[in-house]
Amino acid sequence: MVTYRDKFVAHLDDLEQMNIPMLTIAKDCTMFLYRHLREVEDDLEALHDAPTDIAAFYELVLAEAGGVYAHG
């Protein structure tokens, strides 16, 4: 994931082939951390306006992005 970020996302190198990594583990870890912060660590209710269901929110924005990119 770091190589992909360094070579194609943050800095475009002269490589001819892009190898996009599977991001399933990173996504799952992010969702776990989000749920933990929201449900366990938010004593001050700083996340009161954040989505309660992160998986549903992810699916919503994924569909929205798909629609935007499909229409180029």
N, C-alpha and C. Protein backbone atom coordinates (compact mmCIF):
# COMPACT_ATOMS: atom_id res chain seq x y z
N MET A 1 0.83 -1.19 0.00
CA MET A 1 0.00 0.00 0.00
C MET A 1 0.88 1.26 0.00
N VAL A 2 1.97 1.22 0.74
CA VAL A 2 2.86 2.37 0.80
C VAL A 2 3.52 2.62 -0.56
N THR A 3 3.93 1.56 -1.22
CA THR A 3 4.56 1.72 -2.54
C THR A 3 3.57 2.33 -3.53
N TYR A 4 2.34 1.85 -3.53
CA TYR A 4 1.31 2.41 -4.41
C TYR A 4 1.13 3.90 -4.13
N ARG A 5 1.04 4.24 -2.85
CA ARG A 5 0.88 5.65 -2.46
C ARG A 5 2.08 6.48 -2.94
N ASP A 6 3.27 5.97 -2.69
CA ASP A 6 4.48 6.73 -3.02
C ASP A 6 4.71 6.85 -4.53
N LYS A 7 4.33 5.84 -5.29
CA LYS A 7 4.64 5.83 -6.72
C LYS A 7 3.53 6.40 -7.59
N PHE A 8 2.26 6.35 -7.12
CA PHE A 8 1.18 6.75 -8.02
C PHE A 8 0.19 7.75 -7.43
N VAL A 9 0.07 7.80 -6.12
CA VAL A 9 -0.93 8.70 -5.53
C VAL A 9 -0.29 10.03 -5.15
N ALA A 10 0.75 9.98 -4.33
CA ALA A 10 1.38 11.21 -3.86
C ALA A 10 2.41 11.75 -4.85
N HIS A 11 3.10 10.85 -5.51
CA HIS A 11 4.16 11.24 -6.44
C HIS A 11 4.06 10.36 -7.67
N LEU A 12 3.86 10.94 -8.81
CA LEU A 12 3.75 10.17 -10.05
C LEU A 12 5.14 9.93 -10.62
N ASP A 13 5.61 8.70 -10.49
CA ASP A 13 6.92 8.32 -11.02
C ASP A 13 6.79 7.92 -12.48
N ASP A 14 7.89 7.55 -13.06
CA ASP A 14 7.92 7.17 -14.47
C ASP A 14 7.65 5.69 -14.70
N LEU A 15 6.99 5.02 -13.79
CA LEU A 15 6.69 3.60 -13.97
C LEU A 15 5.56 3.45 -14.98
N GLU A 16 5.62 2.38 -15.76
CA GLU A 16 4.63 2.17 -16.80
C GLU A 16 3.43 1.36 -16.36
N GLN A 17 3.52 0.69 -15.23
CA GLN A 17 2.42 -0.16 -14.77
C GLN A 17 2.06 0.18 -13.33
N MET A 18 0.78 0.34 -13.08
CA MET A 18 0.28 0.63 -11.75
C MET A 18 -0.28 -0.65 -11.15
N ASN A 19 0.17 -1.00 -9.97
CA ASN A 19 -0.34 -2.17 -9.26
C ASN A 19 -1.15 -1.68 -8.07
N ILE A 20 -2.46 -1.65 -8.23
CA ILE A 20 -3.34 -1.16 -7.17
C ILE A 20 -3.53 -2.28 -6.15
N PRO A 21 -3.17 -2.05 -4.90
CA PRO A 21 -3.29 -3.10 -3.89
C PRO A 21 -4.74 -3.31 -3.45
N MET A 22 -5.01 -4.50 -2.93
CA MET A 22 -6.31 -4.75 -2.31
C MET A 22 -6.34 -3.95 -1.01
N LEU A 23 -7.39 -3.21 -0.80
CA LEU A 23 -7.47 -2.35 0.38
C LEU A 23 -8.48 -2.87 1.40
N THR A 24 -8.88 -4.12 1.29
CA THR A 24 -9.89 -4.68 2.18
C THR A 24 -9.47 -4.62 3.63
N ILE A 25 -8.24 -5.02 3.93
CA ILE A 25 -7.77 -5.02 5.32
C ILE A 25 -7.71 -3.59 5.85
N ALA A 26 -7.22 -2.65 5.05
CA ALA A 26 -7.16 -1.26 5.49
C ALA A 26 -8.56 -0.70 5.74
N LYS A 27 -9.50 -1.03 4.85
CA LYS A 27 -10.89 -0.57 5.03
C LYS A 27 -11.49 -1.16 6.29
N ASP A 28 -11.30 -2.45 6.50
CA ASP A 28 -11.86 -3.11 7.69
C ASP A 28 -11.26 -2.53 8.98
N CYS A 29 -9.96 -2.27 8.98
CA CYS A 29 -9.30 -1.67 10.15
C CYS A 29 -9.83 -0.27 10.41
N THR A 30 -10.03 0.49 9.36
CA THR A 30 -10.55 1.84 9.50
C THR A 30 -11.96 1.82 10.07
N MET A 31 -12.79 0.91 9.59
CA MET A 31 -14.16 0.81 10.10
C MET A 31 -14.17 0.36 11.56
N PHE A 32 -13.28 -0.57 11.91
CA PHE A 32 -13.18 -1.00 13.31
C PHE A 32 -12.79 0.16 14.20
N LEU A 33 -11.77 0.93 13.79
CA LEU A 33 -11.32 2.07 14.58
C LEU A 33 -12.43 3.12 14.70
N TYR A 34 -13.11 3.39 13.62
CA TYR A 34 -14.21 4.37 13.64
C TYR A 34 -15.28 3.95 14.65
N ARG A 35 -15.70 2.68 14.56
CA ARG A 35 -16.73 2.19 15.50
C ARG A 35 -16.26 2.30 16.94
N HIS A 36 -15.01 1.94 17.17
CA HIS A 36 -14.46 2.01 18.53
C HIS A 36 -14.45 3.45 19.04
N LEU A 37 -13.96 4.36 18.22
CA LEU A 37 -13.91 5.77 18.64
C LEU A 37 -15.31 6.30 18.92
N ARG A 38 -16.25 5.96 18.07
CA ARG A 38 -17.61 6.47 18.21
C ARG A 38 -18.33 5.84 19.40
N GLU A 39 -18.19 4.54 19.61
CA GLU A 39 -18.95 3.83 20.63
C GLU A 39 -18.28 3.78 21.99
N VAL A 40 -16.95 3.85 22.05
CA VAL A 40 -16.25 3.66 23.31
C VAL A 40 -15.53 4.93 23.78
N GLU A 41 -14.86 5.61 22.89
CA GLU A 41 -13.97 6.70 23.29
C GLU A 41 -14.59 8.10 23.25
N ASP A 42 -15.78 8.25 22.74
CA ASP A 42 -16.34 9.59 22.54
C ASP A 42 -17.12 10.07 23.77
N ASP A 43 -16.45 10.19 24.89
CA ASP A 43 -17.09 10.64 26.12
C ASP A 43 -17.64 12.06 26.02
N LEU A 44 -16.99 12.89 25.25
CA LEU A 44 -17.41 14.29 25.12
C LEU A 44 -18.40 14.51 23.98
N GLU A 45 -18.79 13.44 23.31
CA GLU A 45 -19.72 13.49 22.19
C GLU A 45 -19.24 14.42 21.07
N ALA A 46 -17.94 14.37 20.82
CA ALA A 46 -17.36 15.18 19.75
C ALA A 46 -17.80 14.67 18.38
N LEU A 47 -18.21 13.40 18.32
CA LEU A 47 -18.62 12.80 17.05
C LEU A 47 -20.14 12.71 16.94
N HIS A 48 -20.84 13.57 17.63
CA HIS A 48 -22.31 13.49 17.67
C HIS A 48 -22.97 13.61 16.30
N ASP A 49 -22.32 14.29 15.37
CA ASP A 49 -22.92 14.46 14.05
C ASP A 49 -22.29 13.55 12.98
N ALA A 50 -21.43 12.65 13.43
CA ALA A 50 -20.81 11.69 12.50
C ALA A 50 -21.79 10.56 12.21
N PRO A 51 -21.67 9.92 11.06
CA PRO A 51 -22.57 8.81 10.74
C PRO A 51 -22.50 7.72 11.82
N THR A 52 -23.64 7.18 12.17
CA THR A 52 -23.66 6.13 13.19
C THR A 52 -23.31 4.78 12.60
N ASP A 53 -23.70 4.53 11.37
CA ASP A 53 -23.42 3.25 10.72
C ASP A 53 -22.38 3.49 9.63
N ILE A 54 -21.13 3.25 9.95
CA ILE A 54 -20.05 3.56 9.01
C ILE A 54 -20.10 2.68 7.77
N ALA A 55 -20.55 1.44 7.90
CA ALA A 55 -20.63 0.56 6.73
C ALA A 55 -21.69 1.07 5.74
N ALA A 56 -22.83 1.50 6.25
CA ALA A 56 -23.88 2.03 5.37
C ALA A 56 -23.41 3.34 4.74
N PHE A 57 -22.72 4.17 5.50
CA PHE A 57 -22.21 5.44 4.96
C PHE A 57 -21.18 5.17 3.86
N TYR A 58 -20.31 4.19 4.08
CA TYR A 58 -19.32 3.82 3.07
C TYR A 58 -20.00 3.39 1.77
N GLU A 59 -21.00 2.54 1.88
CA GLU A 59 -21.71 2.08 0.69
C GLU A 59 -22.38 3.24 -0.04
N LEU A 60 -22.92 4.19 0.71
CA LEU A 60 -23.56 5.37 0.13
C LEU A 60 -22.57 6.20 -0.68
N VAL A 61 -21.43 6.53 -0.08
CA VAL A 61 -20.46 7.37 -0.78
C VAL A 61 -19.76 6.60 -1.90
N LEU A 62 -19.63 5.28 -1.75
CA LEU A 62 -19.06 4.47 -2.82
C LEU A 62 -19.97 4.51 -4.05
N ALA A 63 -21.26 4.37 -3.83
CA ALA A 63 -22.22 4.44 -4.94
C ALA A 63 -22.21 5.83 -5.58
N GLU A 64 -22.12 6.85 -4.76
CA GLU A 64 -22.08 8.22 -5.28
C GLU A 64 -20.82 8.42 -6.14
N ALA A 65 -19.69 7.96 -5.66
CA ALA A 65 -18.44 8.11 -6.41
C ALA A 65 -18.52 7.33 -7.72
N GLY A 66 -19.10 6.13 -7.67
CA GLY A 66 -19.26 5.35 -8.89
C GLY A 66 -20.07 6.08 -9.93
N GLY A 67 -21.12 6.77 -9.50
CA GLY A 67 -21.94 7.54 -10.42
C GLY A 67 -21.20 8.71 -11.01
N VAL A 68 -20.39 9.36 -10.20
CA VAL A 68 -19.62 10.51 -10.69
C VAL A 68 -18.57 10.06 -11.70
N TYR A 69 -17.84 8.99 -11.37
CA TYR A 69 -16.79 8.52 -12.29
C TYR A 69 -17.36 7.89 -13.54
N ALA A 70 -18.54 7.31 -13.46
CA ALA A 70 -19.16 6.70 -14.64
C ALA A 70 -19.52 7.75 -15.69
N HIS A 71 -19.80 8.96 -15.22
CA HIS A 71 -20.19 10.02 -16.14
C HIS A 71 -19.02 10.93 -16.52
N GLY A 72 -17.82 10.57 -16.02
CA GLY A 72 -16.57 11.21 -16.36
C GLY A 72 -16.58 12.66 -16.44
